[in-house]
Amino acid sequence: MTTTSCGAYAKKEACEMAAHPHHARRASPATKLLTALHWALVAVGIFGLTGAAALLMASTPSAWLL
């Protein structure tokens, strides 16, 4: 009885699947575009919220003590 890296009692199919994983499919251009749009909106949101908070603090004298 030969042992493999999967163990002596592992099923042959499970061992072969673990030894030869499937290659990941490449993302389509539409998926890449949606991902880029998603991160662009995230960046705009972060900078927008930061800018709004800075504008609020700058325009409110009582907040200058913070």
N, C-alpha and C. Protein backbone atom coordinates (compact mmCIF):
# COMPACT_ATOMS: atom_id res chain seq x y z
N MET A 1 0.84 -1.18 0.00
CA MET A 1 0.00 0.00 0.00
C MET A 1 0.88 1.24 0.00
N THR A 2 0.66 2.10 -0.96
CA THR A 2 1.46 3.33 -1.02
C THR A 2 0.71 4.47 -0.38
N THR A 3 1.45 5.32 0.26
CA THR A 3 0.82 6.49 0.88
C THR A 3 1.09 7.71 0.00
N THR A 4 0.16 8.60 0.01
CA THR A 4 0.30 9.83 -0.76
C THR A 4 0.32 11.01 0.21
N SER A 5 0.48 12.18 -0.32
CA SER A 5 0.48 13.37 0.53
C SER A 5 -0.90 13.60 1.14
N CYS A 6 -1.92 12.95 0.58
CA CYS A 6 -3.28 13.12 1.10
C CYS A 6 -3.54 12.20 2.29
N GLY A 7 -2.70 11.22 2.51
CA GLY A 7 -2.89 10.30 3.62
C GLY A 7 -3.21 8.91 3.12
N ALA A 8 -3.02 7.92 3.98
CA ALA A 8 -3.18 6.53 3.58
C ALA A 8 -4.64 6.16 3.37
N TYR A 9 -5.55 6.79 4.07
CA TYR A 9 -6.95 6.40 4.01
C TYR A 9 -7.81 7.36 3.18
N ALA A 10 -7.19 8.31 2.52
CA ALA A 10 -7.96 9.27 1.72
C ALA A 10 -8.45 8.60 0.44
N LYS A 11 -9.60 9.04 -0.03
CA LYS A 11 -10.12 8.52 -1.29
C LYS A 11 -9.26 9.03 -2.43
N LYS A 12 -9.12 8.23 -3.45
CA LYS A 12 -8.27 8.59 -4.56
C LYS A 12 -8.79 9.84 -5.26
N GLU A 13 -10.11 9.98 -5.42
CA GLU A 13 -10.67 11.13 -6.12
C GLU A 13 -10.38 12.43 -5.36
N ALA A 14 -10.53 12.38 -4.05
CA ALA A 14 -10.29 13.57 -3.24
C ALA A 14 -8.83 13.96 -3.31
N CYS A 15 -7.96 12.98 -3.31
CA CYS A 15 -6.53 13.26 -3.37
C CYS A 15 -6.15 13.86 -4.71
N GLU A 16 -6.70 13.32 -5.79
CA GLU A 16 -6.39 13.86 -7.10
C GLU A 16 -6.90 15.27 -7.27
N MET A 17 -8.08 15.56 -6.72
CA MET A 17 -8.62 16.91 -6.83
C MET A 17 -7.77 17.90 -6.04
N ALA A 18 -7.26 17.45 -4.88
CA ALA A 18 -6.42 18.33 -4.08
C ALA A 18 -5.07 18.55 -4.75
N ALA A 19 -4.59 17.55 -5.47
CA ALA A 19 -3.29 17.66 -6.11
C ALA A 19 -3.34 18.46 -7.40
N HIS A 20 -4.51 18.52 -8.02
CA HIS A 20 -4.64 19.23 -9.29
C HIS A 20 -5.83 20.20 -9.22
N PRO A 21 -5.63 21.34 -8.58
CA PRO A 21 -6.75 22.28 -8.47
C PRO A 21 -7.09 22.88 -9.83
N HIS A 22 -8.33 23.30 -9.97
CA HIS A 22 -8.75 23.93 -11.21
C HIS A 22 -8.18 25.34 -11.27
N HIS A 23 -7.85 25.75 -12.46
CA HIS A 23 -7.35 27.11 -12.63
C HIS A 23 -8.51 28.09 -12.56
N ALA A 24 -8.26 29.21 -11.96
CA ALA A 24 -9.29 30.24 -11.85
C ALA A 24 -9.54 30.85 -13.23
N ARG A 25 -10.80 31.11 -13.50
CA ARG A 25 -11.12 31.74 -14.77
C ARG A 25 -10.76 33.21 -14.71
N ARG A 26 -10.37 33.76 -15.84
CA ARG A 26 -10.03 35.18 -15.89
C ARG A 26 -11.30 36.00 -15.88
N ALA A 27 -11.22 37.16 -15.27
CA ALA A 27 -12.37 38.05 -15.19
C ALA A 27 -12.64 38.65 -16.56
N SER A 28 -13.90 38.76 -16.89
CA SER A 28 -14.27 39.35 -18.17
C SER A 28 -14.07 40.86 -18.12
N PRO A 29 -14.01 41.53 -19.26
CA PRO A 29 -13.86 42.98 -19.27
C PRO A 29 -15.00 43.70 -18.53
N ALA A 30 -16.21 43.15 -18.60
CA ALA A 30 -17.34 43.77 -17.90
C ALA A 30 -17.13 43.68 -16.39
N THR A 31 -16.61 42.56 -15.92
CA THR A 31 -16.36 42.40 -14.49
C THR A 31 -15.27 43.36 -14.03
N LYS A 32 -14.24 43.51 -14.84
CA LYS A 32 -13.16 44.44 -14.50
C LYS A 32 -13.68 45.88 -14.46
N LEU A 33 -14.55 46.22 -15.39
CA LEU A 33 -15.12 47.56 -15.43
C LEU A 33 -15.98 47.82 -14.20
N LEU A 34 -16.79 46.84 -13.83
CA LEU A 34 -17.62 47.00 -12.64
C LEU A 34 -16.78 47.09 -11.37
N THR A 35 -15.70 46.35 -11.32
CA THR A 35 -14.81 46.43 -10.16
C THR A 35 -14.15 47.80 -10.08
N ALA A 36 -13.71 48.30 -11.20
CA ALA A 36 -13.10 49.64 -11.22
C ALA A 36 -14.11 50.71 -10.83
N LEU A 37 -15.34 50.58 -11.33
CA LEU A 37 -16.39 51.54 -10.97
C LEU A 37 -16.68 51.47 -9.48
N HIS A 38 -16.72 50.27 -8.95
CA HIS A 38 -16.97 50.08 -7.51
C HIS A 38 -15.91 50.81 -6.68
N TRP A 39 -14.63 50.61 -7.00
CA TRP A 39 -13.56 51.24 -6.22
C TRP A 39 -13.53 52.75 -6.44
N ALA A 40 -13.90 53.21 -7.63
CA ALA A 40 -13.98 54.65 -7.86
C ALA A 40 -15.07 55.27 -6.98
N LEU A 41 -16.20 54.61 -6.87
CA LEU A 41 -17.27 55.13 -6.02
C LEU A 41 -16.87 55.08 -4.54
N VAL A 42 -16.15 54.05 -4.15
CA VAL A 42 -15.66 53.98 -2.77
C VAL A 42 -14.72 55.14 -2.49
N ALA A 43 -13.81 55.42 -3.42
CA ALA A 43 -12.86 56.53 -3.22
C ALA A 43 -13.59 57.86 -3.17
N VAL A 44 -14.54 58.07 -4.06
CA VAL A 44 -15.32 59.32 -4.04
C VAL A 44 -16.08 59.44 -2.73
N GLY A 45 -16.63 58.36 -2.25
CA GLY A 45 -17.37 58.38 -0.99
C GLY A 45 -16.48 58.73 0.19
N ILE A 46 -15.30 58.12 0.23
CA ILE A 46 -14.38 58.39 1.35
C ILE A 46 -13.93 59.85 1.32
N PHE A 47 -13.50 60.32 0.14
CA PHE A 47 -13.05 61.71 0.05
C PHE A 47 -14.20 62.69 0.24
N GLY A 48 -15.37 62.29 -0.20
CA GLY A 48 -16.54 63.16 -0.02
C GLY A 48 -16.91 63.30 1.45
N LEU A 49 -16.92 62.20 2.18
CA LEU A 49 -17.24 62.27 3.61
C LEU A 49 -16.16 63.03 4.38
N THR A 50 -14.91 62.82 4.01
CA THR A 50 -13.82 63.53 4.68
C THR A 50 -13.92 65.03 4.39
N GLY A 51 -14.21 65.37 3.14
CA GLY A 51 -14.35 66.77 2.77
C GLY A 51 -15.55 67.42 3.45
N ALA A 52 -16.65 66.68 3.54
CA ALA A 52 -17.85 67.22 4.21
C ALA A 52 -17.59 67.46 5.68
N ALA A 53 -16.88 66.54 6.32
CA ALA A 53 -16.55 66.72 7.74
C ALA A 53 -15.61 67.90 7.93
N ALA A 54 -14.63 68.06 7.05
CA ALA A 54 -13.70 69.20 7.14
C ALA A 54 -14.43 70.51 6.90
N LEU A 55 -15.34 70.51 5.93
CA LEU A 55 -16.12 71.72 5.65
C LEU A 55 -17.01 72.07 6.84
N LEU A 56 -17.62 71.09 7.43
CA LEU A 56 -18.47 71.33 8.60
C LEU A 56 -17.66 71.88 9.77
N MET A 57 -16.50 71.31 9.99
CA MET A 57 -15.66 71.79 11.09
C MET A 57 -15.14 73.19 10.81
N ALA A 58 -14.79 73.47 9.57
CA ALA A 58 -14.26 74.79 9.22
C ALA A 58 -15.34 75.86 9.30
N SER A 59 -16.57 75.48 9.03
CA SER A 59 -17.64 76.49 9.02
C SER A 59 -18.35 76.63 10.36
N THR A 60 -17.99 75.82 11.34
CA THR A 60 -18.63 75.86 12.65
C THR A 60 -17.58 76.27 13.67
N PRO A 61 -17.59 77.53 14.13
CA PRO A 61 -16.57 78.00 15.08
C PRO A 61 -16.57 77.22 16.40
N SER A 62 -17.70 76.71 16.82
CA SER A 62 -17.71 75.98 18.08
C SER A 62 -16.98 74.64 17.95
N ALA A 63 -16.78 74.17 16.75
CA ALA A 63 -16.08 72.90 16.54
C ALA A 63 -14.58 73.10 16.46
N TRP A 64 -14.11 74.35 16.44
CA TRP A 64 -12.67 74.59 16.32
C TRP A 64 -11.91 74.14 17.56
N LEU A 65 -12.59 74.01 18.67
CA LEU A 65 -11.93 73.59 19.91
C LEU A 65 -11.59 72.10 19.89
N LEU A 66 -12.19 71.36 18.99
CA LEU A 66 -11.89 69.93 18.90
C LEU A 66 -10.49 69.78 18.35
